[in-house]
Amino acid sequence: MSAVDVHAVVEGPADAPVLLLSNSLGADHTMWDPQVPGLAEHFRVVRYDTRGHGRSPSSAGDATIDDLTDDVVALLDRLGVDRAHVVGLSIGGMTGLRLAVREPQRVATLAVLCSSAYTGPASWGDRARTARTEGTGALAGAVVSRWLTPGYAAAHPDLVARLQGMVTGADDEGYAACCAAIAGMDQRADLASITAPTLVVSGADDPALPPEHQQVIADGVPGARLLTLRPAAHLANLEQAAQVTSALIAHATGGTT
């Protein structure tokens, strides 16, 4: 499968180091809105929509994690970026891990949030079938219920509605293709080869990819640091926005997280 020309938004000083943000399955680049003002003070921030999400085109058939990584390489090439600080949440973190293994020269630092090196096939096939037969709207309620802790969701109904709109807005086939990429991925044996300084962020209350998934990454990547946030579910960058922003800045600038 060839790379998809993904939609990207670039903000911050043109001469600053590049920091790339990769979104969660079902979300789009706007999930990073809380982080951008702070990050753009230090970096040229590049946000993109994973294929089949937001304004990025989809592709026919199932995707692999290498396909999603090819999209990132093509994006960096298109923007003339040789090396970037790479940040990804969920499937974005999985893509970041693969990029750090395959293209170590392109990754200055790596931050992996609420992600996994291996989920197993589990329910991904069922989810892909639902997306293809009933549409992503049929998944939106259940998916978003795992993104925020119940108390935070109850206090922010407008955010919940916006997030459900993101999931519903994802291309049905594109979402299913990305489910296949997760189902077929096992990066556990590759973690030891990652040389980029790595920060792993865990949401203590994440029901989608619980903390043990991040512990595997932190244990497997040499020198990786683990930061656990609470309360926080799957989109920890929303529930603990200030902490995540500060941690990303500190990590990418060599400061203390």
C-alpha atoms as a PDB file:
ATOM      1  CA  MET A   1       0.000   0.000   0.000  1.00  0.00           C
ATOM      2  CA  SER A   2       1.392   3.423  -0.947  1.00  0.00           C
ATOM      3  CA  ALA A   3       1.594   6.371   1.439  1.00  0.00           C
ATOM      4  CA  VAL A   4      -1.433   8.609   1.818  1.00  0.00           C
ATOM      5  CA  ASP A   5      -0.976  12.362   1.449  1.00  0.00           C
ATOM      6  CA  VAL A   6      -2.277  13.249   4.910  1.00  0.00           C
ATOM      7  CA  HIS A   7      -3.722  16.614   5.894  1.00  0.00           C
ATOM      8  CA  ALA A   8      -1.464  18.627   8.194  1.00  0.00           C
ATOM      9  CA  VAL A   9      -1.513  21.940  10.053  1.00  0.00           C
ATOM     10  CA  VAL A  10       1.741  23.733  10.857  1.00  0.00           C
ATOM     11  CA  GLU A  11       2.032  26.346  13.617  1.00  0.00           C
ATOM     12  CA  GLY A  12       4.833  28.084  15.472  1.00  0.00           C
ATOM     13  CA  PRO A  13       8.136  29.686  14.389  1.00  0.00           C
ATOM     14  CA  ALA A  14       9.401  28.499  11.011  1.00  0.00           C
ATOM     15  CA  ASP A  15      12.964  28.221  12.301  1.00  0.00           C
ATOM     16  CA  ALA A  16      12.149  26.297  15.491  1.00  0.00           C
ATOM     17  CA  PRO A  17      12.701  22.557  15.965  1.00  0.00           C
ATOM     18  CA  VAL A  18       9.793  20.513  14.603  1.00  0.00           C
ATOM     19  CA  LEU A  19       7.450  18.673  16.953  1.00  0.00           C
ATOM     20  CA  LEU A  20       5.027  16.244  15.313  1.00  0.00           C
ATOM     21  CA  LEU A  21       1.683  15.339  16.925  1.00  0.00           C
ATOM     22  CA  SER A  22      -0.138  12.136  15.911  1.00  0.00           C
ATOM     23  CA  ASN A  23      -3.764  11.568  16.923  1.00  0.00           C
ATOM     24  CA  SER A  24      -5.728   8.740  18.526  1.00  0.00           C
ATOM     25  CA  LEU A  25      -7.874   6.300  16.563  1.00  0.00           C
ATOM     26  CA  GLY A  26     -11.185   8.029  15.913  1.00  0.00           C
ATOM     27  CA  ALA A  27      -9.906  11.524  16.684  1.00  0.00           C
ATOM     28  CA  ASP A  28      -8.342  14.140  14.437  1.00  0.00           C
ATOM     29  CA  HIS A  29      -5.581  16.731  14.774  1.00  0.00           C
ATOM     30  CA  THR A  30      -7.784  19.072  16.828  1.00  0.00           C
ATOM     31  CA  MET A  31      -7.544  16.717  19.813  1.00  0.00           C
ATOM     32  CA  TRP A  32      -4.219  18.475  20.444  1.00  0.00           C
ATOM     33  CA  ASP A  33      -5.754  21.961  20.658  1.00  0.00           C
ATOM     34  CA  PRO A  34      -4.947  22.361  24.393  1.00  0.00           C
ATOM     35  CA  GLN A  35      -1.257  21.645  23.784  1.00  0.00           C
ATOM     36  CA  VAL A  36      -0.597  23.817  20.755  1.00  0.00           C
ATOM     37  CA  PRO A  37      -0.318  27.300  22.334  1.00  0.00           C
ATOM     38  CA  GLY A  38       2.330  26.153  24.805  1.00  0.00           C
ATOM     39  CA  LEU A  39       4.184  23.939  22.359  1.00  0.00           C
ATOM     40  CA  ALA A  40       4.233  26.598  19.642  1.00  0.00           C
ATOM     41  CA  GLU A  41       6.261  28.871  21.919  1.00  0.00           C
ATOM     42  CA  HIS A  42       9.143  26.419  21.579  1.00  0.00           C
ATOM     43  CA  PHE A  43       8.551  24.392  18.413  1.00  0.00           C
ATOM     44  CA  ARG A  44       7.280  24.389  14.874  1.00  0.00           C
ATOM     45  CA  VAL A  45       4.265  22.227  15.637  1.00  0.00           C
ATOM     46  CA  VAL A  46       3.041  19.873  12.924  1.00  0.00           C
ATOM     47  CA  ARG A  47      -0.330  18.212  13.516  1.00  0.00           C
ATOM     48  CA  TYR A  48      -1.779  15.780  11.024  1.00  0.00           C
ATOM     49  CA  ASP A  49      -4.882  13.637  10.585  1.00  0.00           C
ATOM     50  CA  THR A  50      -4.175   9.915  10.419  1.00  0.00           C
ATOM     51  CA  ARG A  51      -5.381   8.421   7.117  1.00  0.00           C
ATOM     52  CA  GLY A  52      -9.160   8.093   7.051  1.00  0.00           C
ATOM     53  CA  HIS A  53      -9.548  10.661   9.851  1.00  0.00           C
ATOM     54  CA  GLY A  54     -10.339  14.355   9.771  1.00  0.00           C
ATOM     55  CA  ARG A  55      -9.398  15.791   6.382  1.00  0.00           C
ATOM     56  CA  SER A  56      -6.984  13.030   5.384  1.00  0.00           C
ATOM     57  CA  PRO A  57      -8.017  10.673   2.601  1.00  0.00           C
ATOM     58  CA  SER A  58      -8.655   7.021   3.255  1.00  0.00           C
ATOM     59  CA  SER A  59      -7.324   3.986   1.443  1.00  0.00           C
ATOM     60  CA  ALA A  60      -8.907   0.766   0.268  1.00  0.00           C
ATOM     61  CA  GLY A  61      -8.390  -2.375   2.322  1.00  0.00           C
ATOM     62  CA  ASP A  62      -6.725  -2.999   5.645  1.00  0.00           C
ATOM     63  CA  ALA A  63      -3.707  -0.965   6.682  1.00  0.00           C
ATOM     64  CA  THR A  64      -0.619  -1.956   8.643  1.00  0.00           C
ATOM     65  CA  ILE A  65       1.383   0.031  11.156  1.00  0.00           C
ATOM     66  CA  ASP A  66       4.070   0.323   8.469  1.00  0.00           C
ATOM     67  CA  ASP A  67       1.541   1.939   6.130  1.00  0.00           C
ATOM     68  CA  LEU A  68       0.753   4.555   8.774  1.00  0.00           C
ATOM     69  CA  THR A  69       4.467   5.076   9.328  1.00  0.00           C
ATOM     70  CA  ASP A  70       4.972   5.537   5.588  1.00  0.00           C
ATOM     71  CA  ASP A  71       2.396   8.347   5.771  1.00  0.00           C
ATOM     72  CA  VAL A  72       4.469  10.130   8.414  1.00  0.00           C
ATOM     73  CA  VAL A  73       7.712   9.737   6.465  1.00  0.00           C
ATOM     74  CA  ALA A  74       6.011  11.130   3.357  1.00  0.00           C
ATOM     75  CA  LEU A  75       4.641  14.061   5.376  1.00  0.00           C
ATOM     76  CA  LEU A  76       8.039  14.910   6.836  1.00  0.00           C
ATOM     77  CA  ASP A  77       9.583  14.698   3.372  1.00  0.00           C
ATOM     78  CA  ARG A  78       6.862  16.931   1.952  1.00  0.00           C
ATOM     79  CA  LEU A  79       7.534  19.550   4.629  1.00  0.00           C
ATOM     80  CA  GLY A  80      11.305  19.278   4.236  1.00  0.00           C
ATOM     81  CA  VAL A  81      11.752  18.026   7.804  1.00  0.00           C
ATOM     82  CA  ASP A  82      14.752  15.775   8.350  1.00  0.00           C
ATOM     83  CA  ARG A  83      14.243  15.227  12.076  1.00  0.00           C
ATOM     84  CA  ALA A  84      11.395  15.848  14.521  1.00  0.00           C
ATOM     85  CA  HIS A  85      10.341  15.405  18.104  1.00  0.00           C
ATOM     86  CA  VAL A  86       7.575  12.820  17.706  1.00  0.00           C
ATOM     87  CA  VAL A  87       4.515  12.674  19.968  1.00  0.00           C
ATOM     88  CA  GLY A  88       1.689  10.192  19.516  1.00  0.00           C
ATOM     89  CA  LEU A  89      -1.320   9.047  21.506  1.00  0.00           C
ATOM     90  CA  SER A  90      -2.891   5.588  21.105  1.00  0.00           C
ATOM     91  CA  ILE A  91      -2.486   4.609  17.437  1.00  0.00           C
ATOM     92  CA  GLY A  92      -0.380   7.750  17.079  1.00  0.00           C
ATOM     93  CA  GLY A  93       1.981   6.368  19.716  1.00  0.00           C
ATOM     94  CA  MET A  94       2.099   3.020  17.929  1.00  0.00           C
ATOM     95  CA  THR A  95       3.069   4.856  14.749  1.00  0.00           C
ATOM     96  CA  GLY A  96       5.710   6.801  16.664  1.00  0.00           C
ATOM     97  CA  LEU A  97       7.233   3.585  18.002  1.00  0.00           C
ATOM     98  CA  ARG A  98       7.441   2.122  14.516  1.00  0.00           C
ATOM     99  CA  LEU A  99       8.964   5.314  13.130  1.00  0.00           C
ATOM    100  CA  ALA A 100      11.617   5.289  15.871  1.00  0.00           C
ATOM    101  CA  VAL A 101      12.503   1.685  15.000  1.00  0.00           C
ATOM    102  CA  ARG A 102      12.490   2.055  11.214  1.00  0.00           C
ATOM    103  CA  GLU A 103      13.774   5.615  10.827  1.00  0.00           C
ATOM    104  CA  PRO A 104      15.824   6.411  13.951  1.00  0.00           C
ATOM    105  CA  GLN A 105      17.563   9.304  12.233  1.00  0.00           C
ATOM    106  CA  ARG A 106      14.187  11.066  11.836  1.00  0.00           C
ATOM    107  CA  VAL A 107      13.246  10.957  15.546  1.00  0.00           C
ATOM    108  CA  ALA A 108      14.951  13.437  17.892  1.00  0.00           C
ATOM    109  CA  THR A 109      12.829  12.422  20.888  1.00  0.00           C
ATOM    110  CA  LEU A 110       9.775  10.222  21.258  1.00  0.00           C
ATOM    111  CA  ALA A 111       6.746  10.640  23.511  1.00  0.00           C
ATOM    112  CA  VAL A 112       4.221   7.800  23.595  1.00  0.00           C
ATOM    113  CA  LEU A 113       0.914   8.523  25.343  1.00  0.00           C
ATOM    114  CA  CYS A 114      -1.762   6.015  26.357  1.00  0.00           C
ATOM    115  CA  SER A 115      -0.540   3.545  23.771  1.00  0.00           C
ATOM    116  CA  SER A 116       0.640  -0.025  23.395  1.00  0.00           C
ATOM    117  CA  ALA A 117       3.276  -2.120  21.670  1.00  0.00           C
ATOM    118  CA  TYR A 118       0.828  -5.017  21.393  1.00  0.00           C
ATOM    119  CA  THR A 119      -2.908  -5.180  21.953  1.00  0.00           C
ATOM    120  CA  GLY A 120      -3.650  -8.538  20.355  1.00  0.00           C
ATOM    121  CA  PRO A 121      -6.469  -8.933  17.815  1.00  0.00           C
ATOM    122  CA  ALA A 122      -9.107  -8.837  20.580  1.00  0.00           C
ATOM    123  CA  SER A 123     -12.211  -6.964  19.414  1.00  0.00           C
ATOM    124  CA  TRP A 124     -10.626  -5.021  16.559  1.00  0.00           C
ATOM    125  CA  GLY A 125     -12.236  -7.204  13.920  1.00  0.00           C
ATOM    126  CA  ASP A 126     -15.668  -6.621  15.397  1.00  0.00           C
ATOM    127  CA  ARG A 127     -15.054  -2.905  15.571  1.00  0.00           C
ATOM    128  CA  ALA A 128     -13.895  -2.800  11.955  1.00  0.00           C
ATOM    129  CA  ARG A 129     -16.985  -4.710  10.830  1.00  0.00           C
ATOM    130  CA  THR A 130     -19.246  -2.308  12.697  1.00  0.00           C
ATOM    131  CA  ALA A 131     -17.555   0.687  11.077  1.00  0.00           C
ATOM    132  CA  ARG A 132     -17.966  -0.836   7.629  1.00  0.00           C
ATOM    133  CA  THR A 133     -21.563  -2.027   8.032  1.00  0.00           C
ATOM    134  CA  GLU A 134     -23.122   0.534  10.383  1.00  0.00           C
ATOM    135  CA  GLY A 135     -20.732   3.475  10.187  1.00  0.00           C
ATOM    136  CA  THR A 136     -18.450   5.040  12.773  1.00  0.00           C
ATOM    137  CA  GLY A 137     -21.422   6.811  14.322  1.00  0.00           C
ATOM    138  CA  ALA A 138     -22.491   3.464  15.765  1.00  0.00           C
ATOM    139  CA  LEU A 139     -19.185   3.335  17.658  1.00  0.00           C
ATOM    140  CA  ALA A 140     -18.949   6.942  18.814  1.00  0.00           C
ATOM    141  CA  GLY A 141     -20.703   6.641  22.171  1.00  0.00           C
ATOM    142  CA  ALA A 142     -18.767   3.598  23.335  1.00  0.00           C
ATOM    143  CA  VAL A 143     -15.435   4.895  22.058  1.00  0.00           C
ATOM    144  CA  VAL A 144     -15.714   8.319  23.677  1.00  0.00           C
ATOM    145  CA  SER A 145     -16.865   6.775  26.966  1.00  0.00           C
ATOM    146  CA  ARG A 146     -13.319   5.404  27.275  1.00  0.00           C
ATOM    147  CA  TRP A 147     -11.613   8.676  26.418  1.00  0.00           C
ATOM    148  CA  LEU A 148     -12.507  10.631  29.572  1.00  0.00           C
ATOM    149  CA  THR A 149     -13.139   9.645  33.173  1.00  0.00           C
ATOM    150  CA  PRO A 150     -16.879   9.652  34.011  1.00  0.00           C
ATOM    151  CA  GLY A 151     -16.618  12.685  36.275  1.00  0.00           C
ATOM    152  CA  TYR A 152     -14.723  14.751  33.720  1.00  0.00           C
ATOM    153  CA  ALA A 153     -17.125  13.735  30.960  1.00  0.00           C
ATOM    154  CA  ALA A 154     -20.138  14.711  33.083  1.00  0.00           C
ATOM    155  CA  ALA A 155     -18.609  18.121  33.752  1.00  0.00           C
ATOM    156  CA  HIS A 156     -17.767  18.738  30.063  1.00  0.00           C
ATOM    157  CA  PRO A 157     -20.769  17.695  27.933  1.00  0.00           C
ATOM    158  CA  ASP A 158     -19.785  20.011  25.071  1.00  0.00           C
ATOM    159  CA  LEU A 159     -16.392  18.307  24.831  1.00  0.00           C
ATOM    160  CA  VAL A 160     -18.042  14.879  24.829  1.00  0.00           C
ATOM    161  CA  ALA A 161     -20.293  15.966  21.970  1.00  0.00           C
ATOM    162  CA  ARG A 162     -17.323  17.328  20.012  1.00  0.00           C
ATOM    163  CA  LEU A 163     -15.356  14.117  20.492  1.00  0.00           C
ATOM    164  CA  GLN A 164     -18.290  11.987  19.405  1.00  0.00           C
ATOM    165  CA  GLY A 165     -18.499  14.177  16.321  1.00  0.00           C
ATOM    166  CA  MET A 166     -14.846  13.401  15.561  1.00  0.00           C
ATOM    167  CA  VAL A 167     -15.485   9.666  15.669  1.00  0.00           C
ATOM    168  CA  THR A 168     -18.638   9.968  13.572  1.00  0.00           C
ATOM    169  CA  GLY A 169     -16.734  12.122  11.098  1.00  0.00           C
ATOM    170  CA  ALA A 170     -14.017   9.539  10.513  1.00  0.00           C
ATOM    171  CA  ASP A 171     -14.276   7.686   7.222  1.00  0.00           C
ATOM    172  CA  ASP A 172     -15.879   4.285   7.828  1.00  0.00           C
ATOM    173  CA  GLU A 173     -13.403   2.381   5.679  1.00  0.00           C
ATOM    174  CA  GLY A 174     -10.449   4.412   6.968  1.00  0.00           C
ATOM    175  CA  TYR A 175     -11.364   3.733  10.573  1.00  0.00           C
ATOM    176  CA  ALA A 176     -11.713   0.015   9.851  1.00  0.00           C
ATOM    177  CA  ALA A 177      -8.359  -0.016   8.060  1.00  0.00           C
ATOM    178  CA  CYS A 178      -6.685   1.489  11.109  1.00  0.00           C
ATOM    179  CA  CYS A 179      -8.366  -1.094  13.377  1.00  0.00           C
ATOM    180  CA  ALA A 180      -6.647  -3.722  11.253  1.00  0.00           C
ATOM    181  CA  ALA A 181      -3.296  -1.966  11.690  1.00  0.00           C
ATOM    182  CA  ILE A 182      -3.656  -2.188  15.469  1.00  0.00           C
ATOM    183  CA  ALA A 183      -4.879  -5.796  15.390  1.00  0.00           C
ATOM    184  CA  GLY A 184      -1.910  -6.918  13.307  1.00  0.00           C
ATOM    185  CA  MET A 185       0.775  -5.040  15.248  1.00  0.00           C
ATOM    186  CA  ASP A 186       3.306  -6.544  17.651  1.00  0.00           C
ATOM    187  CA  GLN A 187       6.231  -4.233  18.404  1.00  0.00           C
ATOM    188  CA  ARG A 188       7.367  -5.753  21.684  1.00  0.00           C
ATOM    189  CA  ALA A 189      10.517  -7.326  20.265  1.00  0.00           C
ATOM    190  CA  ASP A 190      11.520  -4.040  18.622  1.00  0.00           C
ATOM    191  CA  LEU A 191      11.373  -1.826  21.704  1.00  0.00           C
ATOM    192  CA  ALA A 192      14.961  -2.560  22.732  1.00  0.00           C
ATOM    193  CA  SER A 193      16.241  -1.123  19.436  1.00  0.00           C
ATOM    194  CA  ILE A 194      14.760   2.342  20.002  1.00  0.00           C
ATOM    195  CA  THR A 195      17.516   4.883  20.587  1.00  0.00           C
ATOM    196  CA  ALA A 196      15.498   8.107  20.807  1.00  0.00           C
ATOM    197  CA  PRO A 197      15.035   9.493  24.332  1.00  0.00           C
ATOM    198  CA  THR A 198      11.555   8.230  25.166  1.00  0.00           C
ATOM    199  CA  LEU A 199       8.818   9.449  27.482  1.00  0.00           C
ATOM    200  CA  VAL A 200       5.873   7.144  28.112  1.00  0.00           C
ATOM    201  CA  VAL A 201       2.690   8.686  29.507  1.00  0.00           C
ATOM    202  CA  SER A 202      -0.012   6.584  31.122  1.00  0.00           C
ATOM    203  CA  GLY A 203      -3.569   7.489  32.105  1.00  0.00           C
ATOM    204  CA  ALA A 204      -4.149   5.787  35.447  1.00  0.00           C
ATOM    205  CA  ASP A 205      -7.860   5.367  34.666  1.00  0.00           C
ATOM    206  CA  ASP A 206      -7.549   4.402  30.990  1.00  0.00           C
ATOM    207  CA  PRO A 207      -9.968   1.540  30.191  1.00  0.00           C
ATOM    208  CA  ALA A 208      -8.974   1.426  26.520  1.00  0.00           C
ATOM    209  CA  LEU A 209      -5.245   0.770  26.962  1.00  0.00           C
ATOM    210  CA  PRO A 210      -4.669   0.362  30.713  1.00  0.00           C
ATOM    211  CA  PRO A 211      -1.366   1.299  32.383  1.00  0.00           C
ATOM    212  CA  GLU A 212       0.147  -2.164  32.003  1.00  0.00           C
ATOM    213  CA  HIS A 213       0.445  -1.499  28.266  1.00  0.00           C
ATOM    214  CA  GLN A 214       2.561   1.582  28.884  1.00  0.00           C
ATOM    215  CA  GLN A 215       4.617  -0.269  31.478  1.00  0.00           C
ATOM    216  CA  VAL A 216       5.641  -2.768  28.797  1.00  0.00           C
ATOM    217  CA  ILE A 217       6.857   0.075  26.591  1.00  0.00           C
ATOM    218  CA  ALA A 218       8.694   1.805  29.439  1.00  0.00           C
ATOM    219  CA  ASP A 219      10.370  -1.459  30.439  1.00  0.00           C
ATOM    220  CA  GLY A 220      11.293  -2.327  26.855  1.00  0.00           C
ATOM    221  CA  VAL A 221      12.759   0.953  25.561  1.00  0.00           C
ATOM    222  CA  PRO A 222      16.229   1.595  26.965  1.00  0.00           C
ATOM    223  CA  GLY A 223      16.224   4.558  29.335  1.00  0.00           C
ATOM    224  CA  ALA A 224      12.529   5.315  28.852  1.00  0.00           C
ATOM    225  CA  ARG A 225      10.753   7.311  31.555  1.00  0.00           C
ATOM    226  CA  LEU A 226       7.185   6.627  32.633  1.00  0.00           C
ATOM    227  CA  LEU A 227       4.805   9.362  33.753  1.00  0.00           C
ATOM    228  CA  THR A 228       1.442   8.282  35.171  1.00  0.00           C
ATOM    229  CA  LEU A 229      -1.331  10.863  35.295  1.00  0.00           C
ATOM    230  CA  ARG A 230      -4.447  10.717  37.477  1.00  0.00           C
ATOM    231  CA  PRO A 231      -7.261  11.227  37.074  1.00  0.00           C
ATOM    232  CA  ALA A 232      -6.950  10.529  33.379  1.00  0.00           C
ATOM    233  CA  ALA A 233      -8.505   8.076  30.946  1.00  0.00           C
ATOM    234  CA  HIS A 234      -7.467   7.489  27.323  1.00  0.00           C
ATOM    235  CA  LEU A 235      -7.180  11.097  26.125  1.00  0.00           C
ATOM    236  CA  ALA A 236      -4.978  12.132  29.008  1.00  0.00           C
ATOM    237  CA  ASN A 237      -3.858  15.181  27.037  1.00  0.00           C
ATOM    238  CA  LEU A 238      -7.369  16.624  27.462  1.00  0.00           C
ATOM    239  CA  GLU A 239      -8.030  15.736  31.074  1.00  0.00           C
ATOM    240  CA  GLN A 240      -4.528  16.698  32.239  1.00  0.00           C
ATOM    241  CA  ALA A 241      -3.776  19.263  29.551  1.00  0.00           C
ATOM    242  CA  ALA A 242      -1.335  21.451  31.478  1.00  0.00           C
ATOM    243  CA  GLN A 243       0.641  18.501  32.822  1.00  0.00           C
ATOM    244  CA  VAL A 244       0.929  16.892  29.407  1.00  0.00           C
ATOM    245  CA  THR A 245       2.007  20.129  27.744  1.00  0.00           C
ATOM    246  CA  SER A 246       4.666  20.771  30.379  1.00  0.00           C
ATOM    247  CA  ALA A 247       5.913  17.193  30.189  1.00  0.00           C
ATOM    248  CA  LEU A 248       6.212  17.310  26.399  1.00  0.00           C
ATOM    249  CA  ILE A 249       8.103  20.601  26.452  1.00  0.00           C
ATOM    250  CA  ALA A 250      10.462  19.365  29.159  1.00  0.00           C
ATOM    251  CA  HIS A 251      11.111  16.079  27.387  1.00  0.00           C
ATOM    252  CA  ALA A 252      11.795  17.593  23.985  1.00  0.00           C
ATOM    253  CA  THR A 253      14.016  20.344  25.398  1.00  0.00           C
ATOM    254  CA  GLY A 254      15.988  18.036  27.654  1.00  0.00           C
ATOM    255  CA  GLY A 255      14.502  19.386  30.855  1.00  0.00           C
ATOM    256  CA  THR A 256      13.031  17.475  33.805  1.00  0.00           C
ATOM    257  CA  THR A 257       9.629  15.884  33.344  1.00  0.00           C
END
